[in-house]
Amino acid sequence: MAPRTLTRAAVAGLTAVALFGSAACGSGFDDSGDATQSSGPASLQILIGSSGEAETKAVQDAAAKWASSSGNTATVTPAQDLTQQLGQALAGGTPPDVFYVDAARFADYASVGALEPYGDKLSDKDDFYESLRTTFTYDGKLYCAPKDFSTLALQINTDLWAKAGLTDADVPTTWDQLTATAQKIKAKGQVALALGDTRDRIGAFLVQNGGWLLSKDGKQPTADTPENLSALQYVNTLLTSGLAKYPKQLDSGWSGEAFGKGKAVMTIEGNWIKGAMQNDFPNVKYKVVALPAGPKGQGTLSFTQCWGIAAKSRYKDQAIKFVEAMTSGEQQLTFAKAVGVMPSRQSVRDQYTAASPGDKVFIDGAAYAQGPVNAPKMDSVLKDLDTGLQGLANGDPKTILQNFDKNAKAALGGS
């Protein structure tokens, strides 16, 4: 999962919502009744948002293997723009049978009946991490199988760390320790923390203080709380004191770039940073540790996708069997090796961490991770929130949170 794809997907998502947004106000995609189901050999169309040739080949190979053994056919197509192409296909009534669904888009699709809620038909569904199952649950139904996931952790440039006179004893495990360590780094003339300027990074602090933006059922906004206020005030203090800086303040497009360029000693990013560092900054030495715990304990954010099945597919039974094959423990380990993603099944956790020990911190985060905002029609609300967070250093945390609740309530309450 590329670090900057999240923002692009949110913007592109406006297109998809506009294309079939009217369905949300009516009876949705189920108006014309269920498509005639075929029990014979299926010709599945699969649309993916590929990160590159390695992922495309891995999925195509896995699909060919399943097709050969099952007597079906499966055509895998990498999308140029998954959100736009999928939105157009759903709106046009000719969707692919199976497709990637990003967690940030999931509720929009589920709320209008575009997705088949097949989750309860999966064998051993409880093997998927609970936080991932929650992410793809809407109105009490598990809709789709989590494909893989990422979490956030703290990266430390070990050379700059030593240059600042720090040792392992200075690795922060709490907010107070983070502040103390950052002050030591600043005293040596370095920037302590490069911090992404959106909810996809700052949101972790809310979780660490026992807060979040929406209620667990996704029905009520919960931003304007003492827990969230205290968390934003803490981040505000890091920014105003110069202990943390946004990427643009460090002449960088994202935190990983600033970190790779040596413009900050620490950053908060996901396990995708491994590939970026190998490709762009191969000589930078760094280590990864868990994010510092807040007053209410450990917290991080998770980013994930699921295998969606179209409600209008003629081959739902076969599609479910395809997804079962794609999300088996063995297949997920194959994908992990080929693409660098983390398996969504707990049963292969030990095998994965043995093969990729550097990712153990990230996979451990699944136990205390919060998924993305899980509600439909929230794009403009979240964009406004990010705008507020980008001005947090000179803004009022209370106002930012109040604005979110006001905007979210209007979006959630409207048709």
Protein backbone atom coordinates (compact mmCIF):
# COMPACT_ATOMS: atom_id res chain seq x y z
CA MET A 1 0.00 0.00 0.00
CA ALA A 2 1.68 3.20 -1.11
CA PRO A 3 1.65 5.92 1.54
CA ARG A 4 0.32 8.61 -0.74
CA THR A 5 -2.34 6.46 -2.39
CA LEU A 6 -4.71 7.03 0.51
CA THR A 7 -5.16 10.68 -0.23
CA ARG A 8 -5.54 10.12 -3.96
CA ALA A 9 -8.11 7.41 -3.35
CA ALA A 10 -10.17 9.69 -1.14
CA VAL A 11 -10.24 12.35 -3.82
CA ALA A 12 -10.95 9.87 -6.60
CA GLY A 13 -13.70 8.41 -4.49
CA LEU A 14 -15.78 11.51 -5.00
CA THR A 15 -16.23 10.39 -8.59
CA ALA A 16 -17.56 7.01 -7.60
CA VAL A 17 -19.92 8.41 -5.00
CA ALA A 18 -21.26 10.92 -7.49
CA LEU A 19 -21.81 8.18 -10.06
CA PHE A 20 -24.08 6.12 -7.86
CA GLY A 21 -24.81 8.48 -4.99
CA SER A 22 -28.46 8.68 -6.00
CA ALA A 23 -28.81 5.03 -5.13
CA ALA A 24 -28.11 5.88 -1.50
CA CYS A 25 -31.31 7.91 -1.36
CA GLY A 26 -33.44 5.22 -2.97
CA SER A 27 -33.56 1.50 -2.67
CA GLY A 28 -30.09 1.02 -4.06
CA PHE A 29 -28.61 -1.66 -6.29
CA ASP A 30 -31.08 -4.36 -5.31
CA ASP A 31 -34.04 -2.73 -7.14
CA SER A 32 -34.02 -5.06 -10.12
CA GLY A 33 -33.75 -8.20 -8.07
CA ASP A 34 -30.92 -10.67 -7.81
CA ALA A 35 -29.08 -11.60 -10.98
CA THR A 36 -29.77 -15.13 -12.20
CA GLN A 37 -27.23 -17.33 -10.48
CA SER A 38 -25.19 -19.89 -12.37
CA SER A 39 -24.19 -23.11 -10.63
CA GLY A 40 -22.02 -24.32 -13.49
CA PRO A 41 -18.49 -23.31 -14.43
CA ALA A 42 -17.95 -19.61 -13.84
CA SER A 43 -16.15 -17.02 -15.90
CA LEU A 44 -15.07 -14.65 -13.16
CA GLN A 45 -13.95 -11.10 -13.88
CA ILE A 46 -11.60 -9.77 -11.20
CA LEU A 47 -10.58 -6.10 -10.96
CA ILE A 48 -7.62 -5.17 -8.77
CA GLY A 49 -5.78 -2.02 -7.84
CA SER A 50 -2.25 -3.26 -8.38
CA SER A 51 0.87 -1.74 -6.84
CA GLY A 52 2.91 -2.93 -9.78
CA GLU A 53 3.96 -5.86 -11.95
CA ALA A 54 4.83 -8.07 -8.98
CA GLU A 55 1.33 -7.83 -7.50
CA THR A 56 -0.40 -8.23 -10.86
CA LYS A 57 1.58 -11.38 -11.63
CA ALA A 58 1.04 -12.80 -8.15
CA VAL A 59 -2.74 -12.40 -8.34
CA GLN A 60 -2.93 -13.65 -11.93
CA ASP A 61 -0.86 -16.72 -11.04
CA ALA A 62 -3.05 -17.46 -8.00
CA ALA A 63 -6.22 -16.97 -10.05
CA ALA A 64 -4.96 -19.29 -12.80
CA LYS A 65 -4.13 -21.95 -10.23
CA TRP A 66 -7.62 -21.73 -8.72
CA ALA A 67 -9.28 -21.79 -12.13
CA SER A 68 -7.31 -24.83 -13.23
CA SER A 69 -8.18 -26.82 -10.12
CA SER A 70 -11.85 -25.76 -9.99
CA GLY A 71 -12.84 -25.96 -13.66
CA ASN A 72 -13.67 -22.25 -13.81
CA THR A 73 -11.99 -19.35 -15.56
CA ALA A 74 -10.76 -16.19 -13.85
CA THR A 75 -9.58 -13.07 -15.66
CA VAL A 76 -7.59 -10.63 -13.53
CA THR A 77 -7.45 -7.02 -14.75
CA PRO A 78 -5.27 -4.38 -13.05
CA ALA A 79 -7.17 -1.08 -13.01
CA GLN A 80 -5.66 2.21 -14.09
CA ASP A 81 -7.84 3.95 -11.50
CA LEU A 82 -9.65 1.37 -9.39
CA THR A 83 -12.05 3.73 -7.64
CA GLN A 84 -13.18 5.42 -10.82
CA GLN A 85 -13.44 2.24 -12.91
CA LEU A 86 -15.24 0.32 -10.19
CA GLY A 87 -17.64 3.19 -9.56
CA GLN A 88 -18.49 3.40 -13.24
CA ALA A 89 -18.98 -0.36 -13.52
CA LEU A 90 -21.23 -0.48 -10.47
CA ALA A 91 -23.28 2.48 -11.65
CA GLY A 92 -23.58 0.95 -15.13
CA GLY A 93 -24.86 -2.35 -13.78
CA THR A 94 -21.99 -4.40 -15.21
CA PRO A 95 -19.55 -4.74 -12.33
CA PRO A 96 -16.72 -7.26 -12.16
CA ASP A 97 -17.55 -10.30 -10.04
CA VAL A 98 -14.70 -9.77 -7.58
CA PHE A 99 -12.69 -6.65 -6.85
CA TYR A 100 -10.48 -4.92 -4.32
CA VAL A 101 -12.35 -2.63 -1.92
CA ASP A 102 -10.35 -0.14 0.12
CA ALA A 103 -11.48 0.28 3.72
CA ALA A 104 -11.94 4.00 3.16
CA ARG A 105 -14.43 3.26 0.34
CA PHE A 106 -16.15 0.22 1.83
CA ALA A 107 -19.09 1.91 3.58
CA ASP A 108 -20.00 3.90 0.45
CA TYR A 109 -20.36 0.68 -1.53
CA ALA A 110 -22.05 -1.32 1.22
CA SER A 111 -24.58 1.40 2.01
CA VAL A 112 -26.04 1.36 -1.50
CA GLY A 113 -26.28 -2.42 -1.86
CA ALA A 114 -23.42 -2.76 -4.32
CA LEU A 115 -21.66 -5.47 -2.29
CA GLU A 116 -22.72 -9.01 -1.53
CA PRO A 117 -22.49 -9.52 2.27
CA TYR A 118 -20.84 -12.94 2.08
CA GLY A 119 -18.65 -12.73 5.18
CA ASP A 120 -20.65 -15.17 7.27
CA LYS A 121 -20.23 -17.83 4.57
CA LEU A 122 -16.46 -17.84 4.90
CA SER A 123 -14.87 -20.81 6.59
CA ASP A 124 -12.93 -19.90 9.72
CA LYS A 125 -13.86 -16.24 9.42
CA ASP A 126 -12.71 -15.63 13.01
CA ASP A 127 -9.16 -16.33 11.88
CA PHE A 128 -9.09 -12.85 10.37
CA TYR A 129 -7.88 -10.24 12.86
CA GLU A 130 -10.79 -8.80 14.80
CA SER A 131 -9.88 -5.20 13.94
CA LEU A 132 -10.01 -6.11 10.23
CA ARG A 133 -13.35 -7.89 10.55
CA THR A 134 -14.73 -4.80 12.28
CA THR A 135 -13.49 -2.59 9.45
CA PHE A 136 -15.52 -4.55 6.89
CA THR A 137 -18.66 -4.88 8.98
CA TYR A 138 -21.62 -2.67 8.08
CA ASP A 139 -25.00 -2.70 9.84
CA GLY A 140 -23.87 -5.73 11.78
CA LYS A 141 -22.89 -7.80 8.72
CA LEU A 142 -19.39 -8.89 7.78
CA TYR A 143 -19.35 -8.10 4.07
CA CYS A 144 -16.02 -9.25 2.76
CA ALA A 145 -12.75 -11.01 3.54
CA PRO A 146 -9.80 -8.76 4.49
CA LYS A 147 -7.10 -9.18 1.85
CA ASP A 148 -4.10 -7.96 3.86
CA PHE A 149 -3.27 -4.97 6.05
CA SER A 150 -0.78 -2.38 7.24
CA THR A 151 -0.34 -0.53 10.54
CA LEU A 152 1.66 2.44 11.74
CA ALA A 153 4.83 2.27 13.85
CA LEU A 154 7.73 4.53 14.82
CA GLN A 155 10.84 4.57 12.64
CA ILE A 156 14.18 5.72 14.10
CA ASN A 157 17.26 6.73 12.08
CA THR A 158 19.93 4.94 14.11
CA ASP A 159 22.87 7.05 12.90
CA LEU A 160 21.13 10.33 13.72
CA TRP A 161 19.95 8.81 17.00
CA ALA A 162 23.53 8.08 18.02
CA LYS A 163 24.63 11.50 16.77
CA ALA A 164 22.16 13.05 19.21
CA GLY A 165 23.76 11.07 22.03
CA LEU A 166 20.78 8.78 22.49
CA THR A 167 20.73 5.10 23.44
CA ASP A 168 18.15 2.33 23.57
CA ALA A 169 17.07 3.72 26.93
CA ASP A 170 15.78 6.81 25.12
CA VAL A 171 13.42 4.89 22.80
CA PRO A 172 10.04 6.39 23.74
CA THR A 173 7.28 4.09 24.95
CA THR A 174 4.97 6.82 26.32
CA TRP A 175 3.97 10.35 25.30
CA ASP A 176 6.04 11.81 28.14
CA GLN A 177 9.08 9.89 26.95
CA LEU A 178 8.45 10.96 23.37
CA THR A 179 8.48 14.59 24.49
CA ALA A 180 11.64 14.14 26.56
CA THR A 181 13.49 12.35 23.77
CA ALA A 182 12.35 14.89 21.19
CA GLN A 183 13.65 17.70 23.38
CA LYS A 184 17.07 16.05 23.55
CA ILE A 185 17.13 15.74 19.78
CA LYS A 186 16.08 19.35 19.28
CA ALA A 187 18.82 20.47 21.66
CA LYS A 188 21.32 18.86 19.29
CA GLY A 189 19.97 20.91 16.39
CA GLN A 190 17.94 18.20 14.71
CA VAL A 191 14.22 17.79 13.99
CA ALA A 192 12.87 15.01 16.17
CA LEU A 193 9.74 13.85 14.35
CA ALA A 194 8.42 14.09 10.79
CA LEU A 195 4.66 13.72 11.16
CA GLY A 196 2.08 13.32 8.40
CA ASP A 197 -0.45 16.15 8.47
CA THR A 198 -3.70 14.16 8.08
CA ARG A 199 -5.99 11.94 10.13
CA ASP A 200 -4.16 8.92 8.67
CA ARG A 201 -1.24 9.69 10.99
CA ILE A 202 -2.49 12.12 13.66
CA GLY A 203 -5.49 9.86 14.26
CA ALA A 204 -3.19 7.40 16.05
CA PHE A 205 -2.84 9.89 18.91
CA LEU A 206 -6.62 9.95 19.33
CA VAL A 207 -6.68 6.16 19.67
CA GLN A 208 -3.82 6.23 22.17
CA ASN A 209 -5.90 8.49 24.38
CA GLY A 210 -9.03 6.36 24.15
CA GLY A 211 -10.80 8.46 21.51
CA TRP A 212 -11.89 8.21 17.88
CA LEU A 213 -13.98 10.09 15.34
CA LEU A 214 -17.08 7.87 15.15
CA SER A 215 -18.95 5.51 17.43
CA LYS A 216 -18.23 1.80 17.01
CA ASP A 217 -21.35 1.30 14.91
CA GLY A 218 -20.35 4.21 12.65
CA LYS A 219 -23.63 6.01 13.28
CA GLN A 220 -22.60 8.89 15.56
CA PRO A 221 -19.73 11.40 15.42
CA THR A 222 -17.58 11.31 18.55
CA ALA A 223 -14.77 13.75 17.81
CA ASP A 224 -15.65 16.48 20.32
CA THR A 225 -14.62 14.62 23.47
CA PRO A 226 -12.10 15.34 26.25
CA GLU A 227 -9.99 12.38 25.08
CA ASN A 228 -9.68 13.64 21.52
CA LEU A 229 -9.15 17.22 22.65
CA SER A 230 -6.30 16.23 24.93
CA ALA A 231 -4.72 14.21 22.12
CA LEU A 232 -4.85 17.09 19.62
CA GLN A 233 -3.54 19.48 22.24
CA TYR A 234 -0.56 17.18 22.73
CA VAL A 235 0.15 17.08 18.98
CA ASN A 236 -0.30 20.85 18.88
CA THR A 237 2.38 21.17 21.57
CA LEU A 238 4.79 18.99 19.58
CA LEU A 239 4.26 21.19 16.52
CA THR A 240 4.39 24.59 18.19
CA SER A 241 7.53 23.67 20.14
CA GLY A 242 9.28 22.49 16.98
CA LEU A 243 9.60 18.92 18.23
CA ALA A 244 7.56 17.67 15.30
CA LYS A 245 7.20 19.08 11.80
CA TYR A 246 4.94 18.34 8.87
CA PRO A 247 6.54 17.07 5.64
CA LYS A 248 5.99 20.35 3.78
CA GLN A 249 8.00 22.12 6.49
CA LEU A 250 10.83 19.75 5.65
CA ASP A 251 10.59 20.22 1.87
CA SER A 252 9.18 16.74 1.45
CA GLY A 253 6.10 15.18 -0.12
CA TRP A 254 5.52 12.75 2.74
CA SER A 255 7.07 11.84 6.08
CA GLY A 256 9.01 8.89 4.70
CA GLU A 257 10.80 11.18 2.27
CA ALA A 258 11.77 13.60 5.03
CA PHE A 259 12.97 10.67 7.13
CA GLY A 260 14.96 9.18 4.25
CA LYS A 261 16.61 12.52 3.53
CA GLY A 262 17.75 12.72 7.14
CA LYS A 263 15.63 15.78 7.86
CA ALA A 264 14.10 14.13 10.93
CA VAL A 265 15.37 11.52 13.37
CA MET A 266 11.99 9.78 13.70
CA THR A 267 8.81 9.38 11.73
CA ILE A 268 5.47 7.58 11.98
CA GLU A 269 4.69 5.47 8.93
CA GLY A 270 3.41 2.06 7.91
CA ASN A 271 5.29 -1.03 6.77
CA TRP A 272 5.20 0.33 3.21
CA ILE A 273 8.15 2.50 4.24
CA LYS A 274 10.38 -0.57 3.90
CA GLY A 275 10.05 -0.60 0.14
CA ALA A 276 10.43 3.16 -0.12
CA MET A 277 13.61 3.12 1.92
CA GLN A 278 15.09 0.24 -0.07
CA ASN A 279 14.33 1.96 -3.36
CA ASP A 280 15.06 5.59 -2.57
CA PHE A 281 17.32 5.64 0.50
CA PRO A 282 19.11 2.27 0.59
CA ASN A 283 21.99 3.55 2.72
CA VAL A 284 19.88 4.88 5.58
CA LYS A 285 20.00 2.66 8.65
CA TYR A 286 16.90 2.60 10.79
CA LYS A 287 14.89 0.49 13.18
CA VAL A 288 11.20 0.16 13.84
CA VAL A 289 9.51 0.20 17.25
CA ALA A 290 5.92 0.37 18.44
CA LEU A 291 4.28 3.78 18.64
CA PRO A 292 4.53 5.34 22.11
CA ALA A 293 1.49 4.55 24.23
CA GLY A 294 -0.81 7.35 25.24
CA PRO A 295 -2.56 7.92 28.58
CA LYS A 296 -5.09 5.22 27.70
CA GLY A 297 -2.62 2.70 26.30
CA GLN A 298 -1.24 1.56 22.97
CA GLY A 299 -2.91 2.61 19.76
CA THR A 300 -2.23 2.62 16.04
CA LEU A 301 -4.15 2.83 12.78
CA SER A 302 -4.71 0.05 10.27
CA PHE A 303 -5.10 0.30 6.52
CA THR A 304 -6.61 -2.58 4.63
CA GLN A 305 -8.56 -3.80 1.63
CA CYS A 306 -11.02 -6.63 1.18
CA TRP A 307 -12.11 -8.89 -1.64
CA GLY A 308 -15.49 -7.47 -2.59
CA ILE A 309 -18.08 -9.51 -4.46
CA ALA A 310 -20.66 -7.66 -6.57
CA ALA A 311 -24.26 -8.01 -5.45
CA LYS A 312 -25.13 -8.35 -9.14
CA SER A 313 -22.63 -11.12 -9.87
CA ARG A 314 -24.06 -14.25 -11.55
CA TYR A 315 -21.38 -16.34 -9.90
CA LYS A 316 -21.57 -15.56 -6.20
CA ASP A 317 -20.95 -19.12 -4.97
CA GLN A 318 -17.95 -19.52 -7.22
CA ALA A 319 -16.73 -16.03 -6.31
CA ILE A 320 -16.80 -16.94 -2.62
CA LYS A 321 -14.74 -20.04 -3.35
CA PHE A 322 -12.29 -17.87 -5.29
CA VAL A 323 -11.95 -15.51 -2.31
CA GLU A 324 -11.46 -18.48 0.01
CA ALA A 325 -8.55 -19.56 -2.17
CA MET A 326 -7.05 -16.06 -2.30
CA THR A 327 -7.23 -15.66 1.49
CA SER A 328 -6.02 -19.09 2.55
CA GLY A 329 -3.04 -18.95 4.87
CA GLU A 330 -0.72 -20.54 2.32
CA GLN A 331 -1.79 -18.14 -0.44
CA GLN A 332 -1.46 -15.12 1.82
CA LEU A 333 2.11 -16.10 2.66
CA THR A 334 2.79 -16.39 -1.08
CA PHE A 335 1.38 -12.91 -1.65
CA ALA A 336 3.40 -11.58 1.27
CA LYS A 337 6.63 -12.88 -0.21
CA ALA A 338 5.83 -11.58 -3.69
CA VAL A 339 4.33 -8.20 -2.83
CA GLY A 340 5.39 -7.35 0.74
CA VAL A 341 1.90 -7.21 2.28
CA MET A 342 1.00 -8.58 5.72
CA PRO A 343 -1.42 -11.54 5.91
CA SER A 344 -4.84 -10.86 7.40
CA ARG A 345 -5.10 -14.32 8.97
CA GLN A 346 -3.84 -14.81 12.51
CA SER A 347 -3.03 -18.47 11.91
CA VAL A 348 -0.02 -17.62 9.73
CA ARG A 349 1.29 -14.81 11.89
CA ASP A 350 4.23 -16.79 13.29
CA GLN A 351 5.24 -18.07 9.86
CA TYR A 352 5.09 -14.55 8.48
CA THR A 353 7.11 -12.93 11.25
CA ALA A 354 9.71 -15.71 11.03
CA ALA A 355 10.18 -14.87 7.36
CA SER A 356 9.88 -11.09 7.88
CA PRO A 357 11.07 -10.35 11.43
CA GLY A 358 11.29 -6.64 10.68
CA ASP A 359 7.51 -6.50 10.33
CA LYS A 360 6.73 -8.02 13.73
CA VAL A 361 6.08 -4.59 15.26
CA PHE A 362 3.58 -3.79 12.51
CA ILE A 363 1.74 -7.08 12.75
CA ASP A 364 1.64 -6.84 16.55
CA GLY A 365 -0.23 -3.56 16.05
CA ALA A 366 -3.28 -5.46 14.79
CA ALA A 367 -4.18 -6.15 18.42
CA TYR A 368 -4.71 -2.46 19.18
CA ALA A 369 -5.37 -0.92 15.77
CA GLN A 370 -8.23 1.34 14.73
CA GLY A 371 -9.48 1.07 11.15
CA PRO A 372 -10.52 4.01 8.93
CA VAL A 373 -13.76 5.93 9.35
CA ASN A 374 -16.41 3.38 8.49
CA ALA A 375 -19.41 5.38 7.27
CA PRO A 376 -20.76 6.46 3.88
CA LYS A 377 -20.74 9.94 2.37
CA MET A 378 -17.87 11.16 4.53
CA ASP A 379 -15.38 12.30 1.87
CA SER A 380 -15.93 16.04 2.19
CA VAL A 381 -16.14 15.76 5.98
CA LEU A 382 -12.80 14.01 6.18
CA LYS A 383 -11.22 16.41 3.71
CA ASP A 384 -12.33 19.31 5.91
CA LEU A 385 -10.88 17.54 8.95
CA ASP A 386 -7.53 17.13 7.22
CA THR A 387 -7.56 20.81 6.30
CA GLY A 388 -8.06 21.63 9.97
CA LEU A 389 -5.26 19.30 11.04
CA GLN A 390 -2.90 20.84 8.50
CA GLY A 391 -3.42 24.14 10.32
CA LEU A 392 -3.27 22.61 13.79
CA ALA A 393 -0.14 24.46 14.89
CA ASN A 394 -1.94 27.79 14.59
CA GLY A 395 -5.47 26.48 15.02
CA ASP A 396 -7.82 25.60 17.84
CA PRO A 397 -8.09 21.82 18.49
CA LYS A 398 -11.54 22.25 20.02
CA THR A 399 -12.87 24.00 16.92
CA ILE A 400 -11.42 21.32 14.63
CA LEU A 401 -13.21 18.60 16.57
CA GLN A 402 -16.48 20.53 16.80
CA ASN A 403 -16.44 21.17 13.06
CA PHE A 404 -15.98 17.48 12.36
CA ASP A 405 -18.92 16.50 14.55
CA LYS A 406 -21.13 19.13 12.95
CA ASN A 407 -20.19 18.10 9.41
CA ALA A 408 -20.33 14.38 10.14
CA LYS A 409 -23.74 14.64 11.75
CA ALA A 410 -25.09 16.36 8.65
CA ALA A 411 -23.55 13.72 6.36
CA LEU A 412 -24.72 10.77 8.42
CA GLY A 413 -28.20 12.15 8.95
CA GLY A 414 -28.90 13.07 5.33
CA SER A 415 -30.10 10.80 2.53
